[in-house]
Amino acid sequence: MAKIGVLLVDDHTLVRKGLRSLLEGEEGMEVLGEAQDGREAIQKVEELHPDVVLMDIAMPVLNGLEATRQIKKRFPEVRVVALTMHAAEEYIFRILRAGASGYVVKQAAPAELVSAIEVVYRGDSFLSPSISSKVVEEYIRQAELMAEADGYDRLTGRERQVLQLIAEGHPNREIAELLHISATTVASHRAHLMEKLGIHSTAGLTQYAVRRGLVTPVE
């Protein structure tokens, strides 16, 4: 019987190593590789063709939300399980809308994570028992009504990447280097972001990105 190929995505090395140790002890699973941010995750999915991706949400350069969205668009057969410390409904909704099939909190027991991988591999969905599915369903219903008036859904994938990098404090020159585009193009994306979102300052864009859960606020 073929093993379930898993890709581990988390910006903390110790977390990835702990997950690898756990899953390599499971007879029906194989850890194909690791990635430390969303952009590397997309590259590894293309290279390794995993069945399931364990995806953290809050990561630098490209967060788990956008990485999941891009992976599901390019590789719809790949299943994504969000593995995060966040149990708030707002995070659950966002990652499910991005295309994730499962949501497991990091405080969960190891057996719960193994079960989540097996369930989504079969084509079903999995939520940690500690999360109320009724709350999720209601939040999705309300959020979809609000999304019509939210400019975020009108942003292109590149504009969303630029938004995150702006919110992380990168100047135009660094963003240009990270995305392999010109600083002039970055400035153009920044202008389009402000126009579409109705926000007219870098501080405003940063606050918006924090509210959307694209970046973690600095404590």
C-alpha atoms as a PDB file:
ATOM      1  CA  MET A   1       0.000   0.000   0.000  1.00  0.00           C
ATOM      2  CA  ALA A   2       1.388   3.411  -0.992  1.00  0.00           C
ATOM      3  CA  LYS A   3       2.384   5.724   1.815  1.00  0.00           C
ATOM      4  CA  ILE A   4       0.895   9.206   2.246  1.00  0.00           C
ATOM      5  CA  GLY A   5       3.532  11.728   1.124  1.00  0.00           C
ATOM      6  CA  VAL A   6       3.651  14.733   3.461  1.00  0.00           C
ATOM      7  CA  LEU A   7       5.341  18.144   3.128  1.00  0.00           C
ATOM      8  CA  LEU A   8       6.030  20.070   6.364  1.00  0.00           C
ATOM      9  CA  VAL A   9       5.763  23.867   6.205  1.00  0.00           C
ATOM     10  CA  ASP A  10       6.675  25.944   9.266  1.00  0.00           C
ATOM     11  CA  ASP A  11       9.169  28.739   9.858  1.00  0.00           C
ATOM     12  CA  HIS A  12      10.407  27.143  13.098  1.00  0.00           C
ATOM     13  CA  THR A  13      13.034  24.446  12.609  1.00  0.00           C
ATOM     14  CA  LEU A  14      12.269  22.735  15.922  1.00  0.00           C
ATOM     15  CA  VAL A  15       8.589  22.430  15.002  1.00  0.00           C
ATOM     16  CA  ARG A  16       9.442  20.853  11.641  1.00  0.00           C
ATOM     17  CA  LYS A  17      11.874  18.407  13.225  1.00  0.00           C
ATOM     18  CA  GLY A  18       9.321  17.428  15.864  1.00  0.00           C
ATOM     19  CA  LEU A  19       6.682  16.817  13.200  1.00  0.00           C
ATOM     20  CA  ARG A  20       9.114  14.795  11.109  1.00  0.00           C
ATOM     21  CA  SER A  21       9.978  12.608  14.089  1.00  0.00           C
ATOM     22  CA  LEU A  22       6.291  12.053  14.821  1.00  0.00           C
ATOM     23  CA  LEU A  23       5.211  11.225  11.274  1.00  0.00           C
ATOM     24  CA  GLU A  24       8.191   9.066  10.415  1.00  0.00           C
ATOM     25  CA  GLY A  25       7.020   6.781  13.197  1.00  0.00           C
ATOM     26  CA  GLU A  26       3.761   6.206  11.315  1.00  0.00           C
ATOM     27  CA  GLU A  27       3.907   3.178   9.036  1.00  0.00           C
ATOM     28  CA  GLY A  28       1.600   4.628   6.391  1.00  0.00           C
ATOM     29  CA  MET A  29       3.254   8.035   6.051  1.00  0.00           C
ATOM     30  CA  GLU A  30       6.405   9.444   4.513  1.00  0.00           C
ATOM     31  CA  VAL A  31       7.828  12.936   5.024  1.00  0.00           C
ATOM     32  CA  LEU A  32       8.952  14.054   1.570  1.00  0.00           C
ATOM     33  CA  GLY A  33      10.447  17.373   2.582  1.00  0.00           C
ATOM     34  CA  GLU A  34      10.278  20.617   4.558  1.00  0.00           C
ATOM     35  CA  ALA A  35       9.786  24.307   3.795  1.00  0.00           C
ATOM     36  CA  GLN A  36      10.286  27.340   6.019  1.00  0.00           C
ATOM     37  CA  ASP A  37       7.939  29.801   4.298  1.00  0.00           C
ATOM     38  CA  GLY A  38       5.073  29.875   1.836  1.00  0.00           C
ATOM     39  CA  ARG A  39       7.134  30.601  -1.222  1.00  0.00           C
ATOM     40  CA  GLU A  40       9.432  27.655  -0.572  1.00  0.00           C
ATOM     41  CA  ALA A  41       6.352  25.511   0.085  1.00  0.00           C
ATOM     42  CA  ILE A  42       5.034  26.184  -3.417  1.00  0.00           C
ATOM     43  CA  GLN A  43       8.403  25.264  -4.901  1.00  0.00           C
ATOM     44  CA  LYS A  44       8.567  22.044  -2.875  1.00  0.00           C
ATOM     45  CA  VAL A  45       5.032  21.043  -3.884  1.00  0.00           C
ATOM     46  CA  GLU A  46       6.023  21.413  -7.535  1.00  0.00           C
ATOM     47  CA  GLU A  47       9.216  19.456  -6.963  1.00  0.00           C
ATOM     48  CA  LEU A  48       8.072  16.684  -4.589  1.00  0.00           C
ATOM     49  CA  HIS A  49       4.355  16.206  -5.431  1.00  0.00           C
ATOM     50  CA  PRO A  50       3.157  15.525  -1.861  1.00  0.00           C
ATOM     51  CA  ASP A  51      -0.301  14.180  -1.107  1.00  0.00           C
ATOM     52  CA  VAL A  52      -0.760  16.375   1.968  1.00  0.00           C
ATOM     53  CA  VAL A  53       0.838  19.657   3.051  1.00  0.00           C
ATOM     54  CA  LEU A  54       0.963  20.557   6.757  1.00  0.00           C
ATOM     55  CA  MET A  55       0.826  24.356   6.601  1.00  0.00           C
ATOM     56  CA  ASP A  56       1.557  26.933   9.280  1.00  0.00           C
ATOM     57  CA  ILE A  57      -0.303  30.240   8.810  1.00  0.00           C
ATOM     58  CA  ALA A  58       1.945  33.010  10.154  1.00  0.00           C
ATOM     59  CA  MET A  59       5.221  32.860   8.190  1.00  0.00           C
ATOM     60  CA  PRO A  60       7.536  35.489   6.647  1.00  0.00           C
ATOM     61  CA  VAL A  61       7.815  36.388   2.936  1.00  0.00           C
ATOM     62  CA  LEU A  62       4.621  34.502   1.979  1.00  0.00           C
ATOM     63  CA  ASN A  63       2.140  33.464   4.661  1.00  0.00           C
ATOM     64  CA  GLY A  64       0.282  30.176   4.814  1.00  0.00           C
ATOM     65  CA  LEU A  65      -2.988  31.689   3.622  1.00  0.00           C
ATOM     66  CA  GLU A  66      -1.574  32.884   0.315  1.00  0.00           C
ATOM     67  CA  ALA A  67       0.615  29.804  -0.075  1.00  0.00           C
ATOM     68  CA  THR A  68      -2.453  27.586   0.333  1.00  0.00           C
ATOM     69  CA  ARG A  69      -4.403  29.664  -2.162  1.00  0.00           C
ATOM     70  CA  GLN A  70      -1.648  29.376  -4.768  1.00  0.00           C
ATOM     71  CA  ILE A  71      -1.023  25.678  -4.150  1.00  0.00           C
ATOM     72  CA  LYS A  72      -4.722  24.832  -4.560  1.00  0.00           C
ATOM     73  CA  LYS A  73      -4.898  26.888  -7.731  1.00  0.00           C
ATOM     74  CA  ARG A  74      -1.884  25.221  -9.325  1.00  0.00           C
ATOM     75  CA  PHE A  75      -2.136  21.761  -7.736  1.00  0.00           C
ATOM     76  CA  PRO A  76      -5.811  21.189  -6.860  1.00  0.00           C
ATOM     77  CA  GLU A  77      -5.202  17.519  -6.068  1.00  0.00           C
ATOM     78  CA  VAL A  78      -2.893  18.390  -3.151  1.00  0.00           C
ATOM     79  CA  ARG A  79      -4.627  18.475   0.224  1.00  0.00           C
ATOM     80  CA  VAL A  80      -3.665  21.132   2.779  1.00  0.00           C
ATOM     81  CA  VAL A  81      -3.992  20.847   6.548  1.00  0.00           C
ATOM     82  CA  ALA A  82      -3.477  24.053   8.509  1.00  0.00           C
ATOM     83  CA  LEU A  83      -1.427  23.379  11.640  1.00  0.00           C
ATOM     84  CA  THR A  84      -1.423  26.498  13.768  1.00  0.00           C
ATOM     85  CA  MET A  85      -1.573  27.878  17.280  1.00  0.00           C
ATOM     86  CA  HIS A  86      -4.584  30.035  16.318  1.00  0.00           C
ATOM     87  CA  ALA A  87      -7.999  28.701  17.334  1.00  0.00           C
ATOM     88  CA  ALA A  88      -9.926  31.898  16.518  1.00  0.00           C
ATOM     89  CA  GLU A  89     -12.768  31.514  14.045  1.00  0.00           C
ATOM     90  CA  GLU A  90     -11.346  34.289  11.895  1.00  0.00           C
ATOM     91  CA  TYR A  91      -8.205  32.272  11.109  1.00  0.00           C
ATOM     92  CA  ILE A  92     -10.230  29.112  10.520  1.00  0.00           C
ATOM     93  CA  PHE A  93     -12.454  30.864   7.997  1.00  0.00           C
ATOM     94  CA  ARG A  94      -9.582  32.404   6.075  1.00  0.00           C
ATOM     95  CA  ILE A  95      -7.573  29.236   5.617  1.00  0.00           C
ATOM     96  CA  LEU A  96     -10.660  27.216   4.656  1.00  0.00           C
ATOM     97  CA  ARG A  97     -11.607  29.803   2.058  1.00  0.00           C
ATOM     98  CA  ALA A  98      -8.055  29.616   0.753  1.00  0.00           C
ATOM     99  CA  GLY A  99      -8.605  25.907   0.062  1.00  0.00           C
ATOM    100  CA  ALA A 100      -7.425  23.997   3.129  1.00  0.00           C
ATOM    101  CA  SER A 101      -9.184  20.705   3.859  1.00  0.00           C
ATOM    102  CA  GLY A 102      -8.184  20.502   7.512  1.00  0.00           C
ATOM    103  CA  TYR A 103      -7.457  22.663  10.537  1.00  0.00           C
ATOM    104  CA  VAL A 104      -5.523  21.362  13.535  1.00  0.00           C
ATOM    105  CA  VAL A 105      -4.344  23.409  16.499  1.00  0.00           C
ATOM    106  CA  LYS A 106      -0.775  22.813  17.637  1.00  0.00           C
ATOM    107  CA  GLN A 107      -1.981  21.965  21.139  1.00  0.00           C
ATOM    108  CA  ALA A 108      -3.706  18.863  19.734  1.00  0.00           C
ATOM    109  CA  ALA A 109      -2.609  15.335  20.578  1.00  0.00           C
ATOM    110  CA  PRO A 110      -0.316  13.619  18.030  1.00  0.00           C
ATOM    111  CA  ALA A 111      -3.048  11.081  17.216  1.00  0.00           C
ATOM    112  CA  GLU A 112      -5.333  13.939  16.157  1.00  0.00           C
ATOM    113  CA  LEU A 113      -2.794  15.229  13.648  1.00  0.00           C
ATOM    114  CA  VAL A 114      -2.254  11.750  12.206  1.00  0.00           C
ATOM    115  CA  SER A 115      -6.009  11.332  11.907  1.00  0.00           C
ATOM    116  CA  ALA A 116      -6.313  14.703  10.135  1.00  0.00           C
ATOM    117  CA  ILE A 117      -3.751  13.685   7.522  1.00  0.00           C
ATOM    118  CA  GLU A 118      -5.486  10.370   6.892  1.00  0.00           C
ATOM    119  CA  VAL A 119      -8.935  11.985   6.664  1.00  0.00           C
ATOM    120  CA  VAL A 120      -7.994  14.697   4.166  1.00  0.00           C
ATOM    121  CA  TYR A 121      -5.964  12.199   2.129  1.00  0.00           C
ATOM    122  CA  ARG A 122      -9.192  10.240   1.642  1.00  0.00           C
ATOM    123  CA  GLY A 123     -10.844  13.392   0.311  1.00  0.00           C
ATOM    124  CA  ASP A 124     -12.766  14.441   3.417  1.00  0.00           C
ATOM    125  CA  SER A 125     -12.407  17.485   5.674  1.00  0.00           C
ATOM    126  CA  PHE A 126     -11.076  17.604   9.229  1.00  0.00           C
ATOM    127  CA  LEU A 127     -11.405  20.172  12.023  1.00  0.00           C
ATOM    128  CA  SER A 128      -9.974  19.774  15.499  1.00  0.00           C
ATOM    129  CA  PRO A 129     -12.791  18.648  17.835  1.00  0.00           C
ATOM    130  CA  SER A 130     -12.096  21.725  19.965  1.00  0.00           C
ATOM    131  CA  ILE A 131     -13.409  23.897  17.125  1.00  0.00           C
ATOM    132  CA  SER A 132     -17.136  24.261  16.675  1.00  0.00           C
ATOM    133  CA  SER A 133     -18.132  23.549  13.083  1.00  0.00           C
ATOM    134  CA  LYS A 134     -21.363  25.466  13.587  1.00  0.00           C
ATOM    135  CA  VAL A 135     -19.403  28.587  14.488  1.00  0.00           C
ATOM    136  CA  VAL A 136     -17.234  28.120  11.400  1.00  0.00           C
ATOM    137  CA  GLU A 137     -20.232  27.717   9.110  1.00  0.00           C
ATOM    138  CA  GLU A 138     -21.905  30.832  10.485  1.00  0.00           C
ATOM    139  CA  TYR A 139     -18.716  32.829  10.227  1.00  0.00           C
ATOM    140  CA  ILE A 140     -18.253  31.783   6.609  1.00  0.00           C
ATOM    141  CA  ARG A 141     -21.821  32.777   5.792  1.00  0.00           C
ATOM    142  CA  GLN A 142     -21.392  36.208   7.351  1.00  0.00           C
ATOM    143  CA  ALA A 143     -17.926  36.766   5.927  1.00  0.00           C
ATOM    144  CA  GLU A 144     -18.986  35.904   2.392  1.00  0.00           C
ATOM    145  CA  LEU A 145     -21.660  38.589   2.616  1.00  0.00           C
ATOM    146  CA  MET A 146     -19.059  41.090   3.794  1.00  0.00           C
ATOM    147  CA  ALA A 147     -16.488  40.019   1.198  1.00  0.00           C
ATOM    148  CA  GLU A 148     -18.447  41.746  -1.562  1.00  0.00           C
ATOM    149  CA  ALA A 149     -17.548  45.093  -0.007  1.00  0.00           C
ATOM    150  CA  ASP A 150     -13.980  44.142   0.868  1.00  0.00           C
ATOM    151  CA  GLY A 151     -11.336  45.228  -1.628  1.00  0.00           C
ATOM    152  CA  TYR A 152      -9.023  42.360  -0.639  1.00  0.00           C
ATOM    153  CA  ASP A 153     -10.798  39.946  -2.951  1.00  0.00           C
ATOM    154  CA  ARG A 154     -10.102  42.317  -5.841  1.00  0.00           C
ATOM    155  CA  LEU A 155      -6.349  42.262  -5.283  1.00  0.00           C
ATOM    156  CA  THR A 156      -4.186  40.204  -7.608  1.00  0.00           C
ATOM    157  CA  GLY A 157      -1.912  37.500  -6.216  1.00  0.00           C
ATOM    158  CA  ARG A 158       1.117  39.738  -6.751  1.00  0.00           C
ATOM    159  CA  GLU A 159      -0.566  42.663  -4.993  1.00  0.00           C
ATOM    160  CA  ARG A 160      -1.274  40.416  -1.998  1.00  0.00           C
ATOM    161  CA  GLN A 161       2.391  39.404  -1.866  1.00  0.00           C
ATOM    162  CA  VAL A 162       3.465  43.050  -1.994  1.00  0.00           C
ATOM    163  CA  LEU A 163       0.959  43.919   0.737  1.00  0.00           C
ATOM    164  CA  GLN A 164       2.429  41.311   3.077  1.00  0.00           C
ATOM    165  CA  LEU A 165       6.003  42.412   2.414  1.00  0.00           C
ATOM    166  CA  ILE A 166       5.081  46.071   2.971  1.00  0.00           C
ATOM    167  CA  ALA A 167       3.440  45.125   6.266  1.00  0.00           C
ATOM    168  CA  GLU A 168       6.586  43.196   7.267  1.00  0.00           C
ATOM    169  CA  GLY A 169       8.536  46.430   6.901  1.00  0.00           C
ATOM    170  CA  HIS A 170      10.392  45.804   3.638  1.00  0.00           C
ATOM    171  CA  PRO A 171      11.140  48.929   1.528  1.00  0.00           C
ATOM    172  CA  ASN A 172      10.420  48.915  -2.203  1.00  0.00           C
ATOM    173  CA  ARG A 173      14.003  47.979  -3.100  1.00  0.00           C
ATOM    174  CA  GLU A 174      13.963  44.849  -0.913  1.00  0.00           C
ATOM    175  CA  ILE A 175      10.513  43.841  -2.157  1.00  0.00           C
ATOM    176  CA  ALA A 176      11.760  44.168  -5.719  1.00  0.00           C
ATOM    177  CA  GLU A 177      14.708  41.876  -4.951  1.00  0.00           C
ATOM    178  CA  LEU A 178      12.545  39.281  -3.170  1.00  0.00           C
ATOM    179  CA  LEU A 179       9.997  39.130  -5.987  1.00  0.00           C
ATOM    180  CA  HIS A 180      12.504  39.579  -8.833  1.00  0.00           C
ATOM    181  CA  ILE A 181      10.727  42.648 -10.211  1.00  0.00           C
ATOM    182  CA  SER A 182      11.745  46.298 -10.557  1.00  0.00           C
ATOM    183  CA  ALA A 183      11.312  48.902  -7.832  1.00  0.00           C
ATOM    184  CA  THR A 184       9.129  50.842 -10.267  1.00  0.00           C
ATOM    185  CA  THR A 185       6.798  47.853 -10.555  1.00  0.00           C
ATOM    186  CA  VAL A 186       6.661  47.577  -6.768  1.00  0.00           C
ATOM    187  CA  ALA A 187       5.719  51.255  -6.542  1.00  0.00           C
ATOM    188  CA  SER A 188       2.968  50.642  -9.076  1.00  0.00           C
ATOM    189  CA  HIS A 189       1.624  47.690  -7.057  1.00  0.00           C
ATOM    190  CA  ARG A 190       1.725  49.841  -3.906  1.00  0.00           C
ATOM    191  CA  ALA A 191      -0.318  52.547  -5.634  1.00  0.00           C
ATOM    192  CA  HIS A 192      -2.871  49.998  -6.851  1.00  0.00           C
ATOM    193  CA  LEU A 193      -3.146  48.557  -3.338  1.00  0.00           C
ATOM    194  CA  MET A 194      -3.900  51.938  -1.865  1.00  0.00           C
ATOM    195  CA  GLU A 195      -6.451  52.694  -4.569  1.00  0.00           C
ATOM    196  CA  LYS A 196      -8.290  49.365  -4.287  1.00  0.00           C
ATOM    197  CA  LEU A 197      -8.311  49.321  -0.485  1.00  0.00           C
ATOM    198  CA  GLY A 198      -8.932  53.023   0.006  1.00  0.00           C
ATOM    199  CA  ILE A 199      -5.837  53.263   2.216  1.00  0.00           C
ATOM    200  CA  HIS A 200      -3.327  56.036   1.685  1.00  0.00           C
ATOM    201  CA  SER A 201      -0.350  55.305   3.934  1.00  0.00           C
ATOM    202  CA  THR A 202       2.117  52.517   4.657  1.00  0.00           C
ATOM    203  CA  ALA A 203       0.950  52.455   8.281  1.00  0.00           C
ATOM    204  CA  GLY A 204      -2.616  51.981   7.082  1.00  0.00           C
ATOM    205  CA  LEU A 205      -1.618  49.098   4.810  1.00  0.00           C
ATOM    206  CA  THR A 206       0.243  47.481   7.709  1.00  0.00           C
ATOM    207  CA  GLN A 207      -2.736  47.776  10.038  1.00  0.00           C
ATOM    208  CA  TYR A 208      -4.994  46.335   7.335  1.00  0.00           C
ATOM    209  CA  ALA A 209      -2.658  43.353   6.818  1.00  0.00           C
ATOM    210  CA  VAL A 210      -2.643  42.668  10.561  1.00  0.00           C
ATOM    211  CA  ARG A 211      -6.449  42.759  10.693  1.00  0.00           C
ATOM    212  CA  ARG A 212      -6.611  40.344   7.760  1.00  0.00           C
ATOM    213  CA  GLY A 213      -4.235  37.956   9.546  1.00  0.00           C
ATOM    214  CA  LEU A 214      -1.593  38.232   6.814  1.00  0.00           C
ATOM    215  CA  VAL A 215       1.116  39.184   9.299  1.00  0.00           C
ATOM    216  CA  THR A 216       1.536  38.827  13.039  1.00  0.00           C
ATOM    217  CA  PRO A 217       1.594  42.131  14.956  1.00  0.00           C
ATOM    218  CA  VAL A 218       4.891  42.976  16.617  1.00  0.00           C
ATOM    219  CA  GLU A 219       4.565  42.622  20.385  1.00  0.00           C
END
